[in-house]
Amino acid sequence: MAKSFYHFLMKYRNIEPKEEIEFFANHAYDDHSFPKLAEEYHEISSYLEMNVDYISSMKVFDEAWELYLLEES
């Protein structure tokens, strides 16, 4: 069974974030409504587009998603 995107993203949490993916991971961790079990791109991207303002650009999500796919393949 593949791990969820959220679980993958948590490895990028950082006390002092310097990269956009680290900021994203920190905010996703604090977002209690984040779809933590989701493994589908459209479910997560729709949630981010409609519900959050902590991600500077969907480009950050797309880059994180590509890393997720590489790790899960």
Protein backbone atom coordinates (compact mmCIF):
# COMPACT_ATOMS: atom_id res chain seq x y z
CA MET A 1 0.00 0.00 0.00
CA ALA A 2 1.33 3.41 -0.96
CA LYS A 3 1.74 6.01 1.71
CA SER A 4 -0.41 9.08 1.51
CA PHE A 5 0.89 12.31 0.04
CA TYR A 6 0.60 13.92 3.48
CA HIS A 7 2.77 11.21 5.04
CA PHE A 8 5.35 11.74 2.29
CA LEU A 9 5.24 15.53 2.73
CA MET A 10 5.93 15.33 6.45
CA LYS A 11 9.53 14.32 5.84
CA TYR A 12 10.06 17.90 4.61
CA ARG A 13 8.94 19.55 7.86
CA ASN A 14 11.65 21.79 9.22
CA ILE A 15 11.85 23.95 12.34
CA GLU A 16 13.49 26.68 10.28
CA PRO A 17 12.08 26.25 6.76
CA LYS A 18 14.19 27.62 3.96
CA GLU A 19 12.60 26.01 0.90
CA GLU A 20 9.02 26.36 -0.32
CA ILE A 21 8.33 22.65 0.15
CA GLU A 22 9.37 22.98 3.80
CA PHE A 23 6.96 25.90 4.31
CA PHE A 24 4.26 23.82 2.61
CA ALA A 25 4.95 20.80 4.84
CA ASN A 26 4.91 22.90 8.02
CA HIS A 27 1.59 24.51 7.12
CA ALA A 28 0.04 21.22 6.01
CA TYR A 29 1.01 19.77 9.39
CA ASP A 30 -0.82 22.62 11.15
CA ASP A 31 -3.85 22.32 8.82
CA HIS A 32 -6.20 19.98 10.67
CA SER A 33 -8.47 19.71 7.61
CA PHE A 34 -5.73 18.64 5.19
CA PRO A 35 -6.76 15.38 3.45
CA LYS A 36 -4.20 13.28 5.30
CA LEU A 37 -5.10 9.93 3.75
CA ALA A 38 -5.42 11.14 0.16
CA GLU A 39 -3.32 9.59 -2.56
CA GLU A 40 -5.04 11.23 -5.55
CA TYR A 41 -3.70 14.38 -7.19
CA HIS A 42 -7.09 15.95 -7.92
CA GLU A 43 -8.42 15.46 -4.41
CA ILE A 44 -5.42 17.21 -2.87
CA SER A 45 -5.09 19.95 -5.51
CA SER A 46 -8.80 20.77 -5.25
CA TYR A 47 -8.52 21.02 -1.49
CA LEU A 48 -5.50 23.32 -1.73
CA GLU A 49 -7.07 25.55 -4.39
CA MET A 50 -10.36 25.94 -2.52
CA ASN A 51 -9.33 25.99 1.14
CA VAL A 52 -5.83 27.26 1.82
CA ASP A 53 -3.83 30.43 1.52
CA TYR A 54 -0.55 29.14 2.93
CA ILE A 55 0.79 27.80 -0.35
CA SER A 56 2.33 30.57 -2.45
CA SER A 57 1.70 28.83 -5.76
CA MET A 58 0.28 25.52 -6.93
CA LYS A 59 3.71 25.06 -8.52
CA VAL A 60 4.96 24.14 -5.03
CA PHE A 61 2.35 21.39 -4.79
CA ASP A 62 3.09 20.17 -8.32
CA GLU A 63 6.81 19.89 -7.57
CA ALA A 64 6.10 18.07 -4.30
CA TRP A 65 3.68 15.76 -6.15
CA GLU A 66 6.38 14.86 -8.69
CA LEU A 67 8.76 13.95 -5.84
CA TYR A 68 5.97 11.87 -4.27
CA LEU A 69 5.41 9.97 -7.52
CA LEU A 70 9.13 9.29 -7.91
CA GLU A 71 9.37 7.93 -4.39
CA GLU A 72 6.24 5.81 -4.66
CA SER A 73 7.11 4.25 -8.03
